[in-house]
């Protein structure tokens, strides 16, 4: 909706607004997602509500304090640290940056806490409702006057603030229940040392920080700093679609469900193979969805994108496909966290990120200097695959010796399904009929792809019972496309 109703310069400013906030949220994370998913489930099972509350208050206080300092620093000293193009595109919404930044960091923390306490369904409903509120607010403004970036920033900031209050209410109700069922109070006992907590937290954050330039949010800022508003808007459109898709990908959605379950399962059984098989299925499911995106782009992407964007960005098909391949790399990187964090072997992975990211940061700088968004995306994808290969074949990481089930035979079968679905869509586009034919081609592409998955055998029903012991919901999700 925004790409159709905002002008090119306003859409570029919106891209910078959302990407800049996402970068700050990422910078202030302190690796808390991995720390909380590893350490909080045992405290929850033991009904140690005081320890859980203190851990949450400490982490969120540190994060919001750092976020406020960064926002105020950028507000008062932006001319010293930001490129002029980004300053110009952000000058009309400074207060919205502060409100949106603080509430986004708060919501990201509260989401992690909800997931670790088994409240995934409630937080998911609230986040979905917040998205609906944003869409309804912007849609109503379109009928009142021409939409501007100020309107968008106001709606986004307001929706995030309301979401913060709703998530806080969910957590307060959960703590009331925990306290009601808690045993008589004993001396505080966390079950882990704070040295280990901060070592894992800061090590993970260091890996996050060095991996940040390889993610969509900072890439959008880099493009916005060196490119014209038109290039920034087109890159921002495709990268925003990728970022939104990643938020709804199984590897991201299931992180809050599966990772605490894997940590709990490993603490009981100490079976690495159970972890590997669950992550393997999750990653293959992610690649199946990415394959559908590539098939749709190859089959009917250009006319579909031109229709959606009023003819603006349909010519950037290669960029869109490369961004989907970047999504595949990010999925592999997330799988490494999922497989190594529950068994307490994340430290070496973090050190590898620190060392391998340094030469690629230089390459990203060269791509920015050359003003090449295509090369930026390509270079940002490479570290994920290199680190996976190093851990598996050089370091001989025990949990990766059987791989994640995405070897060459699997990729070739997936490519066959993609090619068949894309060809079916191309054949439909040969018919006359305008927009109706585009929709028909897309539907046929999806149908042909799902049908092909049943025959190429990416998922076996024999794999599902072992997965069901760890995550029954994820197991049921894979049943329709298993052979």
Protein backbone atom coordinates (compact mmCIF):
# COMPACT_ATOMS: atom_id res chain seq x y z
CA UNK A 1 0.00 0.00 0.00
CA UNK A 2 2.81 2.41 0.86
CA UNK A 3 4.69 1.86 -2.38
CA UNK A 4 1.51 2.77 -4.30
CA UNK A 5 0.55 5.85 -2.25
CA UNK A 6 3.85 7.45 -1.25
CA UNK A 7 5.96 9.46 -3.66
CA UNK A 8 9.46 8.19 -4.45
CA UNK A 9 11.16 10.62 -2.03
CA UNK A 10 8.67 9.90 0.77
CA UNK A 11 9.04 6.16 0.25
CA UNK A 12 12.83 6.55 0.42
CA UNK A 13 12.40 8.48 3.70
CA UNK A 14 10.10 5.75 5.02
CA UNK A 15 12.71 3.14 4.09
CA UNK A 16 15.35 5.03 6.10
CA UNK A 17 12.93 5.48 9.04
CA UNK A 18 12.14 1.78 9.39
CA UNK A 19 15.65 0.56 8.55
CA UNK A 20 17.34 3.00 10.92
CA UNK A 21 15.10 1.96 13.80
CA UNK A 22 15.65 -1.73 13.01
CA UNK A 23 19.42 -1.19 13.16
CA UNK A 24 19.18 0.50 16.57
CA UNK A 25 16.93 -2.30 17.87
CA UNK A 26 19.51 -4.82 16.70
CA UNK A 27 22.44 -2.85 18.16
CA UNK A 28 20.84 -2.72 21.62
CA UNK A 29 19.83 -6.38 21.78
CA UNK A 30 22.76 -7.54 24.01
CA UNK A 31 22.26 -11.02 22.53
CA UNK A 32 19.31 -11.33 24.90
CA UNK A 33 17.25 -13.59 22.66
CA UNK A 34 19.79 -16.42 22.83
CA UNK A 35 20.50 -15.82 26.53
CA UNK A 36 16.83 -15.76 27.52
CA UNK A 37 15.90 -18.79 25.39
CA UNK A 38 18.72 -20.76 27.00
CA UNK A 39 18.44 -19.73 30.67
CA UNK A 40 14.83 -18.73 31.29
CA UNK A 41 12.86 -21.95 30.50
CA UNK A 42 14.49 -23.87 33.42
CA UNK A 43 13.62 -21.00 35.78
CA UNK A 44 10.05 -21.05 34.48
CA UNK A 45 9.74 -24.82 35.00
CA UNK A 46 11.00 -24.43 38.58
CA UNK A 47 8.43 -21.60 39.15
CA UNK A 48 11.25 -19.25 40.26
CA UNK A 49 9.21 -16.16 39.49
CA UNK A 50 11.47 -13.75 41.40
CA UNK A 51 14.56 -14.86 39.46
CA UNK A 52 12.65 -14.63 36.16
CA UNK A 53 11.43 -11.13 37.02
CA UNK A 54 14.90 -9.89 38.05
CA UNK A 55 16.47 -11.30 34.88
CA UNK A 56 13.85 -9.62 32.71
CA UNK A 57 14.07 -6.26 34.50
CA UNK A 58 17.86 -6.22 34.27
CA UNK A 59 17.97 -7.01 30.57
CA UNK A 60 15.20 -4.65 29.46
CA UNK A 61 16.48 -1.77 31.63
CA UNK A 62 19.96 -2.04 30.11
CA UNK A 63 18.52 -2.19 26.61
CA UNK A 64 16.14 0.77 26.90
CA UNK A 65 18.80 2.91 28.59
CA UNK A 66 21.22 2.27 25.73
CA UNK A 67 18.50 2.90 23.14
CA UNK A 68 17.61 6.26 24.71
CA UNK A 69 21.27 7.32 24.78
CA UNK A 70 21.74 6.39 21.12
CA UNK A 71 18.56 8.19 20.01
CA UNK A 72 19.46 11.36 21.91
CA UNK A 73 23.00 11.22 20.56
CA UNK A 74 21.76 10.93 16.99
CA UNK A 75 19.23 13.72 17.59
CA UNK A 76 21.81 16.23 18.83
CA UNK A 77 24.89 15.14 16.85
CA UNK A 78 23.42 13.78 13.60
CA UNK A 79 25.43 16.22 11.46
CA UNK A 80 28.65 14.70 12.81
CA UNK A 81 27.87 11.00 12.32
CA UNK A 82 25.27 10.62 9.53
CA UNK A 83 25.52 11.19 5.75
CA UNK A 84 23.75 14.31 4.51
CA UNK A 85 21.24 12.34 2.41
CA UNK A 86 20.00 10.40 5.43
CA UNK A 87 19.77 13.59 7.51
CA UNK A 88 17.63 15.24 4.82
CA UNK A 89 15.32 12.23 4.60
CA UNK A 90 14.91 12.09 8.41
CA UNK A 91 14.63 15.78 9.27
CA UNK A 92 10.82 15.93 9.25
CA UNK A 93 10.22 13.14 11.83
CA UNK A 94 12.78 13.41 14.69
CA UNK A 95 10.33 12.86 17.58
CA UNK A 96 8.73 9.93 15.80
CA UNK A 97 12.19 8.32 15.59
CA UNK A 98 12.54 8.52 19.38
CA UNK A 99 9.05 7.16 20.13
CA UNK A 100 9.26 4.42 17.51
CA UNK A 101 12.79 3.43 18.52
CA UNK A 102 12.07 3.08 22.25
CA UNK A 103 8.78 1.24 21.75
CA UNK A 104 10.30 -1.10 19.11
CA UNK A 105 13.18 -2.06 21.42
CA UNK A 106 10.72 -2.58 24.27
CA UNK A 107 8.45 -4.76 22.12
CA UNK A 108 11.33 -6.87 20.84
CA UNK A 109 12.38 -7.56 24.44
CA UNK A 110 8.83 -8.31 25.59
CA UNK A 111 8.35 -10.66 22.63
CA UNK A 112 11.44 -12.64 23.68
CA UNK A 113 10.18 -12.82 27.27
CA UNK A 114 6.74 -14.00 26.14
CA UNK A 115 8.26 -16.72 23.98
CA UNK A 116 10.48 -17.98 26.80
CA UNK A 117 7.46 -18.20 29.14
CA UNK A 118 5.33 -20.18 26.67
CA UNK A 119 3.16 -17.23 25.62
CA UNK A 120 3.93 -17.46 21.89
CA UNK A 121 0.30 -17.59 20.81
CA UNK A 122 -0.71 -14.48 22.75
CA UNK A 123 2.20 -12.34 21.58
CA UNK A 124 1.67 -13.51 17.99
CA UNK A 125 -1.97 -12.43 18.13
CA UNK A 126 -1.00 -9.03 19.54
CA UNK A 127 1.65 -8.45 16.88
CA UNK A 128 -0.83 -9.43 14.18
CA UNK A 129 -3.41 -7.02 15.60
CA UNK A 130 -0.79 -4.25 15.72
CA UNK A 131 -0.10 -4.86 12.03
CA UNK A 132 -3.81 -4.65 11.28
CA UNK A 133 -4.07 -1.38 13.24
CA UNK A 134 -1.16 0.11 11.26
CA UNK A 135 -2.75 -0.92 7.98
CA UNK A 136 -6.20 0.38 8.97
CA UNK A 137 -4.76 3.70 10.15
CA UNK A 138 -2.79 4.28 6.97
CA UNK A 139 -5.68 3.17 4.76
CA UNK A 140 -8.03 5.64 6.43
CA UNK A 141 -5.51 8.46 5.93
CA UNK A 142 -5.29 7.68 2.22
CA UNK A 143 -8.98 8.58 1.86
CA UNK A 144 -8.52 11.87 3.79
CA UNK A 145 -5.43 13.39 2.12
CA UNK A 146 -2.28 12.50 0.22
CA UNK A 147 -0.15 10.21 2.35
CA UNK A 148 3.23 11.54 3.56
CA UNK A 149 6.13 10.06 5.50
CA UNK A 150 5.02 12.07 8.57
CA UNK A 151 1.65 10.26 8.54
CA UNK A 152 3.39 6.90 8.24
CA UNK A 153 5.80 7.67 11.10
CA UNK A 154 2.96 8.83 13.37
CA UNK A 155 0.92 5.67 12.76
CA UNK A 156 3.92 3.37 13.21
CA UNK A 157 5.03 5.04 16.46
CA UNK A 158 1.51 5.09 17.91
CA UNK A 159 0.85 1.43 17.08
CA UNK A 160 4.15 0.34 18.67
CA UNK A 161 3.41 2.23 21.89
CA UNK A 162 -0.02 0.61 22.22
CA UNK A 163 1.54 -2.79 21.51
CA UNK A 164 4.04 -2.23 24.35
CA UNK A 165 1.20 -1.70 26.81
CA UNK A 166 -0.63 -4.81 25.61
CA UNK A 167 2.46 -7.03 25.90
CA UNK A 168 3.18 -5.69 29.38
CA UNK A 169 -0.36 -6.62 30.43
CA UNK A 170 0.13 -10.19 29.13
CA UNK A 171 3.36 -10.56 31.11
CA UNK A 172 1.85 -9.09 34.29
CA UNK A 173 -1.01 -11.61 34.16
CA UNK A 174 1.49 -14.45 33.67
CA UNK A 175 3.52 -13.34 36.68
CA UNK A 176 0.41 -13.18 38.83
CA UNK A 177 -0.23 -16.83 37.91
CA UNK A 178 3.40 -17.80 38.53
CA UNK A 179 3.44 -16.18 41.93
CA UNK A 180 0.17 -17.85 42.88
CA UNK A 181 1.57 -21.33 42.13
CA UNK A 182 5.10 -20.72 43.42
CA UNK A 183 6.48 -22.74 46.36
CA UNK A 184 7.45 -20.97 49.59
CA UNK A 185 10.22 -18.42 48.89
CA UNK A 186 13.81 -19.60 49.14
CA UNK A 187 17.08 -17.68 48.76
CA UNK A 188 17.57 -16.47 45.19
CA UNK A 189 19.17 -19.13 42.99
CA UNK A 190 19.48 -18.61 39.23
CA UNK A 191 21.22 -21.88 38.36
CA UNK A 192 23.90 -20.14 36.29
CA UNK A 193 26.68 -17.64 36.95
CA UNK A 194 26.35 -14.07 35.74
CA UNK A 195 29.84 -14.40 34.26
CA UNK A 196 28.51 -17.06 31.87
CA UNK A 197 25.40 -14.95 31.22
CA UNK A 198 27.39 -11.87 30.21
CA UNK A 199 30.00 -13.87 28.31
CA UNK A 200 27.36 -15.50 26.11
CA UNK A 201 25.35 -12.29 25.89
CA UNK A 202 28.21 -10.04 24.82
CA UNK A 203 29.77 -12.71 22.59
CA UNK A 204 26.49 -13.18 20.77
CA UNK A 205 26.02 -9.42 20.49
CA UNK A 206 29.52 -9.04 19.03
CA UNK A 207 28.61 -11.62 16.37
CA UNK A 208 25.31 -9.80 15.78
CA UNK A 209 27.08 -6.45 15.39
CA UNK A 210 29.63 -7.74 12.90
CA UNK A 211 26.86 -9.57 11.05
CA UNK A 212 24.65 -6.47 10.95
CA UNK A 213 26.07 -5.08 7.67
CA UNK A 214 25.04 -8.33 5.99
CA UNK A 215 21.36 -7.84 6.92
CA UNK A 216 18.68 -5.90 5.10
CA UNK A 217 18.20 -2.99 7.50
CA UNK A 218 21.78 -1.69 7.36
CA UNK A 219 22.04 -2.47 3.66
CA UNK A 220 19.10 -0.13 3.08
CA UNK A 221 20.92 2.60 5.03
CA UNK A 222 24.09 2.03 3.00
CA UNK A 223 22.17 2.30 -0.27
CA UNK A 224 20.30 5.35 1.07
CA UNK A 225 23.61 7.04 1.88
CA UNK A 226 25.16 6.58 -1.59
CA UNK A 227 22.27 6.24 -4.06
CA UNK A 228 19.54 8.44 -5.53
CA UNK A 229 16.03 8.42 -3.98
CA UNK A 230 14.77 6.28 -6.90
CA UNK A 231 17.43 3.59 -6.36
CA UNK A 232 16.91 3.77 -2.58
CA UNK A 233 13.15 3.37 -3.02
CA UNK A 234 13.43 0.38 -5.40
CA UNK A 235 16.04 -1.34 -3.23
CA UNK A 236 14.01 -0.53 -0.12
CA UNK A 237 10.85 -2.00 -1.66
CA UNK A 238 12.39 -5.39 -2.42
CA UNK A 239 14.47 -5.53 0.75
CA UNK A 240 11.43 -4.61 2.86
CA UNK A 241 9.46 -7.44 1.23
CA UNK A 242 12.37 -9.74 2.10
CA UNK A 243 12.52 -8.49 5.69
CA UNK A 244 8.77 -8.93 6.13
CA UNK A 245 8.94 -12.39 4.57
CA UNK A 246 11.75 -13.33 6.95
CA UNK A 247 9.61 -12.33 9.94
CA UNK A 248 6.99 -14.86 8.81
CA UNK A 249 9.43 -17.56 7.75
CA UNK A 250 9.34 -20.77 9.82
CA UNK A 251 12.96 -20.34 10.94
CA UNK A 252 12.09 -16.96 12.53
CA UNK A 253 8.57 -17.72 13.73
CA UNK A 254 9.59 -21.04 15.27
CA UNK A 255 12.68 -19.59 16.97
CA UNK A 256 10.65 -18.58 19.98
CA UNK A 257 8.89 -21.97 20.07
CA UNK A 258 11.54 -24.45 18.99
CA UNK A 259 14.71 -23.00 20.51
CA UNK A 260 13.46 -23.06 24.14
CA UNK A 261 12.03 -26.55 23.46
CA UNK A 262 15.38 -27.72 22.05
CA UNK A 263 17.25 -26.32 25.06
CA UNK A 264 14.86 -28.06 27.43
CA UNK A 265 15.04 -31.33 25.44
CA UNK A 266 18.85 -31.32 25.38
CA UNK A 267 19.04 -30.67 29.13
CA UNK A 268 17.02 -33.88 29.64
CA UNK A 269 18.37 -36.22 26.92
CA UNK A 270 21.76 -34.76 25.83
CA UNK A 271 21.04 -36.06 22.32
CA UNK A 272 22.60 -33.91 19.58
CA UNK A 273 20.88 -35.88 16.81
CA UNK A 274 17.42 -34.84 18.05
CA UNK A 275 18.52 -31.20 17.78
CA UNK A 276 20.03 -31.68 14.31
CA UNK A 277 16.99 -33.45 12.85
CA UNK A 278 14.57 -30.77 14.08
CA UNK A 279 16.72 -27.92 12.73
CA UNK A 280 17.20 -29.78 9.44
CA UNK A 281 13.45 -30.03 8.87
CA UNK A 282 12.95 -26.40 9.81
CA UNK A 283 15.66 -25.20 7.40
CA UNK A 284 14.34 -27.33 4.54
CA UNK A 285 10.87 -25.89 5.14
CA UNK A 286 12.36 -22.39 4.93
CA UNK A 287 14.07 -23.24 1.64
CA UNK A 288 10.81 -24.59 0.26
CA UNK A 289 9.15 -21.21 0.88
CA UNK A 290 12.11 -19.32 -0.62
CA UNK A 291 11.87 -21.63 -3.62
CA UNK A 292 8.23 -20.64 -4.05
CA UNK A 293 9.27 -16.98 -4.09
CA UNK A 294 11.91 -17.64 -6.76
CA UNK A 295 9.44 -19.67 -8.85
CA UNK A 296 6.89 -16.84 -8.66
CA UNK A 297 9.46 -14.23 -9.70
CA UNK A 298 10.72 -16.34 -12.60
CA UNK A 299 7.20 -17.23 -13.68
CA UNK A 300 5.24 -13.98 -13.40
CA UNK A 301 7.34 -11.60 -11.30
CA UNK A 302 7.80 -8.69 -13.69
CA UNK A 303 4.13 -8.14 -14.65
CA UNK A 304 3.04 -8.79 -11.06
CA UNK A 305 5.48 -6.27 -9.56
CA UNK A 306 4.65 -3.67 -12.21
CA UNK A 307 0.97 -4.10 -11.39
CA UNK A 308 1.53 -3.74 -7.63
CA UNK A 309 3.91 -0.75 -7.88
CA UNK A 310 2.22 1.13 -10.75
CA UNK A 311 4.98 0.16 -13.18
CA UNK A 312 7.90 1.40 -11.07
CA UNK A 313 10.09 -1.54 -10.10
CA UNK A 314 9.24 -4.51 -12.34
CA UNK A 315 12.55 -4.17 -14.19
CA UNK A 316 14.58 -5.03 -11.06
CA UNK A 317 13.99 -8.78 -11.22
CA UNK A 318 17.65 -9.77 -10.76
CA UNK A 319 17.84 -7.68 -7.59
CA UNK A 320 14.67 -9.33 -6.25
CA UNK A 321 16.02 -12.85 -6.90
CA UNK A 322 19.38 -12.04 -5.27
CA UNK A 323 17.55 -10.75 -2.19
CA UNK A 324 15.71 -14.08 -1.95
CA UNK A 325 19.07 -15.89 -2.12
CA UNK A 326 20.24 -13.58 0.68
CA UNK A 327 17.19 -14.79 2.61
CA UNK A 328 18.42 -18.36 2.13
CA UNK A 329 21.78 -17.38 3.63
CA UNK A 330 20.15 -15.71 6.62
CA UNK A 331 18.04 -18.84 7.17
CA UNK A 332 21.19 -20.96 7.25
CA UNK A 333 22.78 -18.56 9.74
CA UNK A 334 19.74 -18.73 11.99
CA UNK A 335 19.87 -22.53 11.81
CA UNK A 336 23.42 -22.47 13.15
CA UNK A 337 22.24 -20.48 16.17
CA UNK A 338 19.32 -22.88 16.67
CA UNK A 339 21.54 -25.97 16.60
CA UNK A 340 24.52 -24.67 18.61
CA UNK A 341 22.93 -22.46 21.29
CA UNK A 342 20.80 -25.16 23.03
CA UNK A 343 23.89 -27.38 23.48
CA UNK A 344 26.07 -24.54 24.79
CA UNK A 345 28.47 -24.41 21.78
CA UNK A 346 27.66 -20.93 20.50
CA UNK A 347 30.91 -19.24 21.62
CA UNK A 348 33.07 -20.68 18.83
CA UNK A 349 30.46 -19.75 16.22
CA UNK A 350 30.50 -16.18 17.53
CA UNK A 351 34.30 -16.01 17.27
CA UNK A 352 34.12 -17.24 13.67
CA UNK A 353 31.64 -14.49 12.81
CA UNK A 354 34.03 -11.91 14.26
CA UNK A 355 36.96 -13.13 12.15
CA UNK A 356 35.17 -13.89 8.88
CA UNK A 357 33.08 -10.72 8.83
CA UNK A 358 36.12 -8.38 8.77
CA UNK A 359 37.24 -9.01 5.14
CA UNK A 360 33.63 -8.96 3.95
CA UNK A 361 33.07 -5.60 5.62
CA UNK A 362 35.84 -4.28 3.35
CA UNK A 363 34.09 -5.79 0.33
CA UNK A 364 30.80 -4.19 1.36
CA UNK A 365 32.57 -0.84 1.58
CA UNK A 366 33.92 -1.35 -1.95
CA UNK A 367 30.43 -2.20 -3.23
CA UNK A 368 29.04 0.95 -1.59
CA UNK A 369 31.82 3.00 -3.20
CA UNK A 370 30.94 1.49 -6.58
CA UNK A 371 27.22 2.23 -5.92
CA UNK A 372 26.22 -1.35 -6.78
CA UNK A 373 23.18 -2.67 -4.87
CA UNK A 374 23.47 -6.01 -6.70
CA UNK A 375 27.02 -6.56 -5.44
CA UNK A 376 26.00 -5.42 -1.94
CA UNK A 377 23.36 -8.14 -1.76
CA UNK A 378 25.66 -10.80 -3.23
CA UNK A 379 28.55 -10.04 -0.85
CA UNK A 380 26.22 -9.86 2.16
CA UNK A 381 25.03 -13.43 1.41
CA UNK A 382 28.42 -15.14 1.29
CA UNK A 383 29.50 -15.21 5.00
CA UNK A 384 26.57 -17.41 6.07
CA UNK A 385 27.55 -20.23 3.72
CA UNK A 386 31.29 -19.87 4.41
CA UNK A 387 30.85 -20.08 8.19
CA UNK A 388 28.60 -23.12 7.85
CA UNK A 389 31.18 -24.83 5.65
CA UNK A 390 34.02 -23.95 8.02
CA UNK A 391 32.19 -25.28 11.08
CA UNK A 392 31.22 -28.50 9.32
CA UNK A 393 34.30 -29.46 7.29
CA UNK A 394 37.21 -27.61 8.98
CA UNK A 395 36.23 -27.53 12.66
CA UNK A 396 34.30 -30.82 12.40
CA UNK A 397 31.56 -29.51 14.68
CA UNK A 398 29.86 -32.70 16.05
CA UNK A 399 26.31 -31.40 15.66
CA UNK A 400 26.88 -30.57 11.97
CA UNK A 401 28.58 -33.73 10.73
CA UNK A 402 25.38 -35.05 9.14
CA UNK A 403 24.54 -31.61 7.76
CA UNK A 404 21.15 -29.92 7.67
CA UNK A 405 19.71 -31.96 4.81
CA UNK A 406 20.34 -29.27 2.16
CA UNK A 407 23.03 -30.99 0.10
CA UNK A 408 23.27 -30.95 -3.70
CA UNK A 409 20.65 -33.71 -4.30
CA UNK A 410 18.07 -31.83 -2.23
CA UNK A 411 18.85 -28.52 -3.95
CA UNK A 412 18.55 -30.14 -7.39
CA UNK A 413 15.13 -31.60 -6.53
CA UNK A 414 14.06 -28.18 -5.24
CA UNK A 415 15.34 -26.55 -8.45
CA UNK A 416 13.26 -29.00 -10.50
CA UNK A 417 10.10 -28.00 -8.59
CA UNK A 418 10.95 -24.30 -9.09
CA UNK A 419 11.53 -24.75 -12.83
CA UNK A 420 8.28 -26.66 -13.32
CA UNK A 421 6.19 -24.09 -11.44
CA UNK A 422 7.83 -21.15 -13.25
CA UNK A 423 7.24 -22.79 -16.64
CA UNK A 424 3.55 -23.33 -15.83
CA UNK A 425 3.16 -19.63 -14.96
CA UNK A 426 4.98 -18.54 -18.13
CA UNK A 427 2.64 -20.60 -20.28
CA UNK A 428 -0.42 -18.98 -18.69
CA UNK A 429 1.01 -15.49 -19.33
CA UNK A 430 0.93 -16.22 -23.07
CA UNK A 431 -2.87 -15.90 -22.88
CA UNK A 432 -4.57 -12.50 -23.24
CA UNK A 433 -6.47 -11.12 -20.25
CA UNK A 434 -4.54 -8.45 -18.36
CA UNK A 435 -4.54 -8.57 -14.56
CA UNK A 436 -6.78 -11.63 -14.40
CA UNK A 437 -4.17 -13.67 -16.28
CA UNK A 438 -1.42 -12.45 -13.91
CA UNK A 439 -3.43 -13.66 -10.90
CA UNK A 440 -4.21 -16.94 -12.66
CA UNK A 441 -0.51 -17.43 -13.49
CA UNK A 442 0.47 -16.82 -9.86
CA UNK A 443 -2.15 -19.27 -8.55
CA UNK A 444 -1.10 -21.93 -11.05
CA UNK A 445 2.55 -21.37 -10.12
CA UNK A 446 1.78 -21.94 -6.43
CA UNK A 447 -0.37 -24.99 -7.15
CA UNK A 448 2.20 -26.58 -9.46
CA UNK A 449 4.97 -25.94 -6.92
CA UNK A 450 3.09 -27.52 -4.01
CA UNK A 451 2.15 -30.49 -6.19
CA UNK A 452 5.78 -30.92 -7.28
CA UNK A 453 6.93 -30.97 -3.64
CA UNK A 454 4.89 -34.11 -3.04
CA UNK A 455 6.84 -35.91 -5.77
CA UNK A 456 10.40 -34.61 -5.24
CA UNK A 457 10.46 -35.99 -1.67
CA UNK A 458 12.07 -33.18 0.33
CA UNK A 459 10.24 -34.33 3.46
CA UNK A 460 9.62 -37.91 4.59
CA UNK A 461 6.79 -38.87 6.91
CA UNK A 462 9.22 -41.15 8.74
CA UNK A 463 11.06 -38.03 9.98
CA UNK A 464 8.02 -36.48 11.64
CA UNK A 465 7.51 -38.70 14.74
CA UNK A 466 10.95 -37.77 16.14
CA UNK A 467 10.18 -34.11 15.52
CA UNK A 468 6.76 -34.42 17.18
CA UNK A 469 8.44 -35.37 20.46
CA UNK A 470 10.12 -31.95 20.52
CA UNK A 471 7.58 -29.72 18.74
CA UNK A 472 4.19 -31.28 17.83
CA UNK A 473 2.97 -28.06 16.18
CA UNK A 474 5.89 -27.92 13.76
CA UNK A 475 5.46 -31.60 12.96
CA UNK A 476 1.80 -31.09 12.02
CA UNK A 477 2.79 -28.16 9.82
CA UNK A 478 4.98 -30.39 7.63
CA UNK A 479 2.48 -33.22 7.17
CA UNK A 480 0.74 -31.87 4.00
CA UNK A 481 3.99 -31.69 1.98
CA UNK A 482 5.60 -34.91 3.27
CA UNK A 483 5.79 -38.00 1.10
